PDB file of N, CA and C in Angstrom:
ATOM      1  N   MET A   1     -11.888  -0.811  -3.522  1.00  0.00           N
ATOM      2  CA  MET A   1     -10.831  -1.136  -3.554  1.00  0.00           C
ATOM      3  C   MET A   1     -10.384  -0.326  -4.619  1.00  0.00           C
ATOM      4  N   SER A   2      -9.224   0.397  -5.059  1.00  0.00           N
ATOM      5  CA  SER A   2      -8.491   1.003  -6.039  1.00  0.00           C
ATOM      6  C   SER A   2      -8.260  -0.286  -7.241  1.00  0.00           C
ATOM      7  N   GLU A   3      -7.836   0.055  -8.181  1.00  0.00           N
ATOM      8  CA  GLU A   3      -7.573  -1.054  -9.291  1.00  0.00           C
ATOM      9  C   GLU A   3      -6.037  -1.513  -8.819  1.00  0.00           C
ATOM     10  N   GLY A   4      -5.755  -2.921  -8.843  1.00  0.00           N
ATOM     11  CA  GLY A   4      -4.745  -3.525  -8.850  1.00  0.00           C
ATOM     12  C   GLY A   4      -4.204  -3.600  -7.416  1.00  0.00           C
ATOM     13  N   LEU A   5      -5.243  -3.376  -6.421  1.00  0.00           N
ATOM     14  CA  LEU A   5      -4.447  -3.108  -4.924  1.00  0.00           C
ATOM     15  C   LEU A   5      -5.227  -4.395  -3.990  1.00  0.00           C
ATOM     16  N   LYS A   6      -4.423  -5.601  -3.641  1.00  0.00           N
ATOM     17  CA  LYS A   6      -4.605  -6.248  -2.756  1.00  0.00           C
ATOM     18  C   LYS A   6      -5.492  -6.652  -1.523  1.00  0.00           C
ATOM     19  N   PRO A   7      -6.407  -6.868  -1.275  1.00  0.00           N
ATOM     20  CA  PRO A   7      -6.794  -6.665   0.291  1.00  0.00           C
ATOM     21  C   PRO A   7      -5.854  -6.331   1.133  1.00  0.00           C
ATOM     22  N   CYS A   8      -6.174  -5.967   2.219  1.00  0.00           N
ATOM     23  CA  CYS A   8      -5.008  -5.606   3.598  1.00  0.00           C
ATOM     24  C   CYS A   8      -4.652  -6.941   3.754  1.00  0.00           C
ATOM     25  N   PRO A   9      -3.233  -7.226   3.850  1.00  0.00           N
ATOM     26  CA  PRO A   9      -2.767  -8.387   4.737  1.00  0.00           C
ATOM     27  C   PRO A   9      -3.172  -8.326   6.262  1.00  0.00           C
ATOM     28  N   PHE A  10      -3.753  -7.300   6.453  1.00  0.00           N
ATOM     29  CA  PHE A  10      -3.637  -7.537   8.402  1.00  0.00           C
ATOM     30  C   PHE A  10      -5.782  -7.978   8.392  1.00  0.00           C
ATOM     31  N   CYS A  11      -6.202  -6.971   7.884  1.00  0.00           N
ATOM     32  CA  CYS A  11      -7.526  -7.324   8.010  1.00  0.00           C
ATOM     33  C   CYS A  11      -8.396  -7.597   7.035  1.00  0.00           C
ATOM     34  N   GLY A  12      -8.195  -7.950   6.098  1.00  0.00           N
ATOM     35  CA  GLY A  12      -8.304  -8.612   4.572  1.00  0.00           C
ATOM     36  C   GLY A  12      -9.406  -7.248   3.587  1.00  0.00           C
ATOM     37  N   ALA A  13      -9.774  -6.571   4.451  1.00  0.00           N
ATOM     38  CA  ALA A  13     -10.337  -5.353   3.989  1.00  0.00           C
ATOM     39  C   ALA A  13     -10.004  -4.740   2.475  1.00  0.00           C
ATOM     40  N   THR A  14     -11.004  -4.277   1.508  1.00  0.00           N
ATOM     41  CA  THR A  14     -10.635  -4.117   0.384  1.00  0.00           C
ATOM     42  C   THR A  14     -10.469  -2.484   0.084  1.00  0.00           C
ATOM     43  N   ASN A  15     -10.782  -2.108   1.147  1.00  0.00           N
ATOM     44  CA  ASN A  15     -11.139  -0.610   1.018  1.00  0.00           C
ATOM     45  C   ASN A  15      -9.942   0.247   1.478  1.00  0.00           C
ATOM     46  N   ASN A  16      -8.829   0.377   0.497  1.00  0.00           N
ATOM     47  CA  ASN A  16      -7.546   0.585   0.225  1.00  0.00           C
ATOM     48  C   ASN A  16      -7.415   1.741  -0.840  1.00  0.00           C
ATOM     49  N   HIS A  17      -6.350   2.556  -0.194  1.00  0.00           N
ATOM     50  CA  HIS A  17      -6.191   3.661  -1.140  1.00  0.00           C
ATOM     51  C   HIS A  17      -4.655   4.140  -1.636  1.00  0.00           C
ATOM     52  N   LEU A  18      -4.222   4.613  -2.008  1.00  0.00           N
ATOM     53  CA  LEU A  18      -2.865   5.229  -2.218  1.00  0.00           C
ATOM     54  C   LEU A  18      -2.969   6.715  -2.158  1.00  0.00           C
ATOM     55  N   GLN A  19      -1.704   6.908  -1.031  1.00  0.00           N
ATOM     56  CA  GLN A  19      -1.703   8.142  -0.625  1.00  0.00           C
ATOM     57  C   GLN A  19      -0.596   8.941  -1.044  1.00  0.00           C
ATOM     58  N   LEU A  20      -0.533  10.006  -1.113  1.00  0.00           N
ATOM     59  CA  LEU A  20       0.704  10.922  -1.008  1.00  0.00           C
ATOM     60  C   LEU A  20       1.100  11.581   0.420  1.00  0.00           C
ATOM     61  N   ARG A  21       2.175  11.790   0.827  1.00  0.00           N
ATOM     62  CA  ARG A  21       2.646  12.684   1.796  1.00  0.00           C
ATOM     63  C   ARG A  21       3.953  12.898   1.421  1.00  0.00           C
ATOM     64  N   TYR A  22       4.339  13.922   2.435  1.00  0.00           N
ATOM     65  CA  TYR A  22       5.787  14.447   2.158  1.00  0.00           C
ATOM     66  C   TYR A  22       6.483  14.679   3.163  1.00  0.00           C
ATOM     67  N   ILE A  23       7.317  13.786   3.553  1.00  0.00           N
ATOM     68  CA  ILE A  23       8.526  13.533   4.116  1.00  0.00           C
ATOM     69  C   ILE A  23      10.115  13.629   3.765  1.00  0.00           C
ATOM     70  N   GLY A  24      10.441  14.494   3.711  1.00  0.00           N
ATOM     71  CA  GLY A  24      11.636  14.718   2.989  1.00  0.00           C
ATOM     72  C   GLY A  24      11.507  14.648   1.507  1.00  0.00           C
ATOM     73  N   GLY A  25      10.375  14.956   1.113  1.00  0.00           N
ATOM     74  CA  GLY A  25      10.142  14.987  -0.347  1.00  0.00           C
ATOM     75  C   GLY A  25       8.904  14.116  -0.639  1.00  0.00           C
ATOM     76  N   GLU A  26       8.303  13.994  -1.532  1.00  0.00           N
ATOM     77  CA  GLU A  26       7.388  13.183  -1.975  1.00  0.00           C
ATOM     78  C   GLU A  26       7.387  11.692  -1.829  1.00  0.00           C
ATOM     79  N   VAL A  27       6.460  11.107  -0.905  1.00  0.00           N
ATOM     80  CA  VAL A  27       6.614   9.476  -1.110  1.00  0.00           C
ATOM     81  C   VAL A  27       5.408   8.983  -1.359  1.00  0.00           C
ATOM     82  N   PHE A  28       4.781   7.635  -1.748  1.00  0.00           N
ATOM     83  CA  PHE A  28       3.568   7.118  -1.937  1.00  0.00           C
ATOM     84  C   PHE A  28       3.319   6.045  -1.352  1.00  0.00           C
ATOM     85  N   PHE A  29       2.299   5.656  -0.646  1.00  0.00           N
ATOM     86  CA  PHE A  29       1.954   4.395   0.280  1.00  0.00           C
ATOM     87  C   PHE A  29       0.724   4.263   0.321  1.00  0.00           C
ATOM     88  N   VAL A  30       0.696   2.778   0.239  1.00  0.00           N
ATOM     89  CA  VAL A  30      -1.236   2.279   0.275  1.00  0.00           C
ATOM     90  C   VAL A  30      -1.439   2.352   1.715  1.00  0.00           C
ATOM     91  N   ALA A  31      -2.704   2.679   1.908  1.00  0.00           N
ATOM     92  CA  ALA A  31      -3.295   2.539   3.593  1.00  0.00           C
ATOM     93  C   ALA A  31      -4.858   2.064   3.093  1.00  0.00           C
ATOM     94  N   CYS A  32      -4.882   0.983   4.399  1.00  0.00           N
ATOM     95  CA  CYS A  32      -5.785   0.444   4.674  1.00  0.00           C
ATOM     96  C   CYS A  32      -7.256   1.583   5.359  1.00  0.00           C
ATOM     97  N   ASN A  33      -8.231   1.662   4.716  1.00  0.00           N
ATOM     98  CA  ASN A  33      -9.379   2.359   5.661  1.00  0.00           C
ATOM     99  C   ASN A  33      -9.931   1.845   6.988  1.00  0.00           C
ATOM    100  N   GLU A  34      -9.523   0.241   6.905  1.00  0.00           N
ATOM    101  CA  GLU A  34     -10.416   0.089   7.874  1.00  0.00           C
ATOM    102  C   GLU A  34      -9.145  -0.466   9.459  1.00  0.00           C
ATOM    103  N   CYS A  35      -8.445  -0.844   8.907  1.00  0.00           N
ATOM    104  CA  CYS A  35      -7.375  -1.245  10.538  1.00  0.00           C
ATOM    105  C   CYS A  35      -6.260   0.001  10.396  1.00  0.00           C
ATOM    106  N   ILE A  36      -6.576   1.173   9.533  1.00  0.00           N
ATOM    107  CA  ILE A  36      -5.291   2.629   9.239  1.00  0.00           C
ATOM    108  C   ILE A  36      -4.048   1.685   9.234  1.00  0.00           C
ATOM    109  N   THR A  37      -3.491   0.413   8.649  1.00  0.00           N
ATOM    110  CA  THR A  37      -2.284   0.406   8.076  1.00  0.00           C
ATOM    111  C   THR A  37      -1.888   1.067   7.199  1.00  0.00           C
ATOM    112  N   GLU A  38      -0.377   1.267   7.405  1.00  0.00           N
ATOM    113  CA  GLU A  38       0.234   1.861   6.030  1.00  0.00           C
ATOM    114  C   GLU A  38       1.180   0.611   5.129  1.00  0.00           C
ATOM    115  N   GLY A  39       0.863   0.432   4.138  1.00  0.00           N
ATOM    116  CA  GLY A  39       2.231   0.114   3.613  1.00  0.00           C
ATOM    117  C   GLY A  39       3.536   0.870   3.437  1.00  0.00           C
ATOM    118  N   PRO A  40       4.391   0.175   3.174  1.00  0.00           N
ATOM    119  CA  PRO A  40       5.956   1.024   2.947  1.00  0.00           C
ATOM    120  C   PRO A  40       5.750   2.282   1.943  1.00  0.00           C
ATOM    121  N   ALA A  41       6.659   2.918   2.328  1.00  0.00           N
ATOM    122  CA  ALA A  41       6.522   4.314   1.474  1.00  0.00           C
ATOM    123  C   ALA A  41       7.803   4.222   0.505  1.00  0.00           C
ATOM    124  N   ARG A  42       7.116   4.763  -0.854  1.00  0.00           N
ATOM    125  CA  ARG A  42       8.391   4.798  -1.812  1.00  0.00           C
ATOM    126  C   ARG A  42       8.361   5.824  -2.557  1.00  0.00           C
ATOM    127  N   LYS A  43       9.391   6.459  -3.760  1.00  0.00           N
ATOM    128  CA  LYS A  43       9.238   7.902  -3.573  1.00  0.00           C
ATOM    129  C   LYS A  43       8.490   7.446  -5.502  1.00  0.00           C
ATOM    130  N   ILE A  44       8.346   6.132  -5.541  1.00  0.00           N
ATOM    131  CA  ILE A  44       7.475   5.993  -6.716  1.00  0.00           C
ATOM    132  C   ILE A  44       6.143   5.324  -7.205  1.00  0.00           C
ATOM    133  N   GLN A  45       5.316   5.823  -7.418  1.00  0.00           N
ATOM    134  CA  GLN A  45       3.696   5.347  -7.008  1.00  0.00           C
ATOM    135  C   GLN A  45       3.617   3.795  -7.326  1.00  0.00           C
ATOM    136  N   SER A  46       3.893   3.505  -8.763  1.00  0.00           N
ATOM    137  CA  SER A  46       3.881   1.865  -8.789  1.00  0.00           C
ATOM    138  C   SER A  46       4.666   1.073  -7.863  1.00  0.00           C
ATOM    139  N   GLU A  47       5.872   1.947  -7.361  1.00  0.00           N
ATOM    140  CA  GLU A  47       6.930   0.949  -6.315  1.00  0.00           C
ATOM    141  C   GLU A  47       5.982   0.828  -5.032  1.00  0.00           C
ATOM    142  N   ALA A  48       5.225   1.505  -4.752  1.00  0.00           N
ATOM    143  CA  ALA A  48       4.248   1.821  -3.528  1.00  0.00           C
ATOM    144  C   ALA A  48       3.461   0.783  -3.568  1.00  0.00           C
ATOM    145  N   ILE A  49       2.682   0.542  -5.087  1.00  0.00           N
ATOM    146  CA  ILE A  49       1.522  -0.689  -4.657  1.00  0.00           C
ATOM    147  C   ILE A  49       1.926  -2.264  -5.076  1.00  0.00           C
ATOM    148  N   THR A  50       2.919  -2.364  -5.549  1.00  0.00           N
ATOM    149  CA  THR A  50       4.134  -3.353  -5.588  1.00  0.00           C
ATOM    150  C   THR A  50       4.335  -3.987  -4.147  1.00  0.00           C
ATOM    151  N   ALA A  51       4.890  -2.697  -3.362  1.00  0.00           N
ATOM    152  CA  ALA A  51       5.161  -3.125  -1.692  1.00  0.00           C
ATOM    153  C   ALA A  51       4.207  -3.589  -1.073  1.00  0.00           C
ATOM    154  N   TRP A  52       2.828  -2.858  -1.170  1.00  0.00           N
ATOM    155  CA  TRP A  52       1.647  -3.341  -0.737  1.00  0.00           C
ATOM    156  C   TRP A  52       1.513  -5.118  -1.067  1.00  0.00           C
ATOM    157  N   ASN A  53       1.387  -5.252  -2.457  1.00  0.00           N
ATOM    158  CA  ASN A  53       1.112  -6.336  -2.689  1.00  0.00           C
ATOM    159  C   ASN A  53       1.854  -7.451  -2.431  1.00  0.00           C
ATOM    160  N   THR A  54       2.769  -7.410  -2.583  1.00  0.00           N
ATOM    161  CA  THR A  54       4.055  -8.632  -2.227  1.00  0.00           C
ATOM    162  C   THR A  54       3.772  -8.949  -0.530  1.00  0.00           C
ATOM    163  N   ARG A  55       3.732 -10.191  -0.987  1.00  0.00           N
ATOM    164  CA  ARG A  55       3.324 -10.918   0.708  1.00  0.00           C
ATOM    165  C   ARG A  55       4.366 -11.628   1.097  1.00  0.00           C
ATOM    166  N   ALA A  56       4.663 -11.899   2.159  1.00  0.00           N
ATOM    167  CA  ALA A  56       5.647 -13.207   2.517  1.00  0.00           C
ATOM    168  C   ALA A  56       5.415 -14.643   1.804  1.00  0.00           C
ATOM    169  N   GLY A  57       6.235 -14.730   1.534  1.00  0.00           N
ATOM    170  CA  GLY A  57       6.401 -16.488   1.207  1.00  0.00           C
ATOM    171  C   GLY A  57       5.905 -16.560  -0.415  1.00  0.00           C
ATOM    172  N   GLU A  58       5.381 -15.505  -0.619  1.00  0.00           N
ATOM    173  CA  GLU A  58       5.201 -15.589  -2.029  1.00  0.00           C
ATOM    174  C   GLU A  58       6.057 -15.466  -3.096  1.00  0.00           C
ATOM    175  N   LYS A  59       5.679 -16.443  -3.960  1.00  0.00           N
ATOM    176  CA  LYS A  59       6.856 -15.778  -5.104  1.00  0.00           C
ATOM    177  C   LYS A  59       6.970 -14.607  -6.081  1.00  0.00           C
ATOM    178  N   ALA A  60       7.821 -13.988  -6.329  1.00  0.00           N
ATOM    179  CA  ALA A  60       7.378 -12.834  -6.755  1.00  0.00           C
ATOM    180  C   ALA A  60       6.894 -13.070  -8.712  1.00  0.00           C
TER     181      ALA A  60
END
Protein backbone atom coordinates (compact mmCIF):
# COMPACT_ATOMS: atom_id res chain seq x y z
CA MET A 1 0.00 0.00 0.00
CA SER A 2 1.24 3.49 -0.75
CA GLU A 3 2.10 5.57 2.30
CA GLY A 4 -0.92 7.28 3.82
CA LEU A 5 -3.62 5.48 1.80
CA LYS A 6 -6.48 3.72 3.57
CA PRO A 7 -7.61 0.29 2.34
CA CYS A 8 -10.12 0.16 -0.50
CA PRO A 9 -13.58 1.09 0.84
CA PHE A 10 -15.19 -1.64 -1.29
CA CYS A 11 -12.95 -4.72 -1.10
CA GLY A 12 -10.59 -3.82 1.77
CA ALA A 13 -7.44 -4.36 -0.30
CA THR A 14 -4.31 -2.47 0.65
CA ASN A 15 -2.77 -2.78 -2.83
CA ASN A 16 -3.70 0.79 -3.83
CA HIS A 17 -1.73 3.39 -5.76
CA LEU A 18 -1.87 7.00 -6.89
CA GLN A 19 -2.27 7.50 -10.65
CA LEU A 20 -1.93 10.46 -12.99
CA ARG A 21 -4.24 10.81 -15.99
CA TYR A 22 -4.82 13.53 -18.56
CA ILE A 23 -8.51 14.53 -18.73
CA GLY A 24 -8.49 18.08 -20.06
CA GLY A 25 -5.30 18.53 -18.03
CA GLU A 26 -3.48 16.55 -15.34
CA VAL A 27 -5.61 14.87 -12.69
CA PHE A 28 -4.64 12.50 -9.89
CA PHE A 29 -6.69 9.70 -8.35
CA VAL A 30 -6.14 6.62 -6.21
CA ALA A 31 -6.94 3.23 -7.70
CA CYS A 32 -7.37 -0.22 -6.15
CA ASN A 33 -5.40 -2.96 -7.90
CA GLU A 34 -7.79 -5.67 -6.69
CA CYS A 35 -11.32 -4.50 -7.59
CA ILE A 36 -10.31 -1.73 -10.02
CA THR A 37 -12.14 0.99 -8.05
CA GLU A 38 -10.97 4.54 -8.74
CA GLY A 39 -11.30 7.40 -6.29
CA PRO A 40 -12.35 10.93 -7.22
CA ALA A 41 -10.07 12.80 -9.64
CA ARG A 42 -8.38 15.91 -8.28
CA LYS A 43 -5.92 18.41 -9.76
CA ILE A 44 -3.67 18.24 -6.69
CA GLN A 45 -2.06 14.99 -5.59
CA SER A 46 -2.68 15.50 -1.86
CA GLU A 47 -6.36 16.25 -2.52
CA ALA A 48 -6.75 12.95 -4.39
CA ILE A 49 -5.31 11.12 -1.38
CA THR A 50 -7.61 13.00 1.01
CA ALA A 51 -10.62 12.20 -1.18
CA TRP A 52 -9.71 8.49 -1.21
CA ASN A 53 -9.20 8.42 2.56
CA THR A 54 -12.53 10.17 3.29
CA ARG A 55 -15.26 7.76 4.38
CA ALA A 56 -18.98 8.46 4.69
CA GLY A 57 -20.01 9.09 8.27
CA GLU A 58 -16.46 9.82 9.51
CA LYS A 59 -15.70 13.09 11.22
CA ALA A 60 -13.06 15.12 9.39
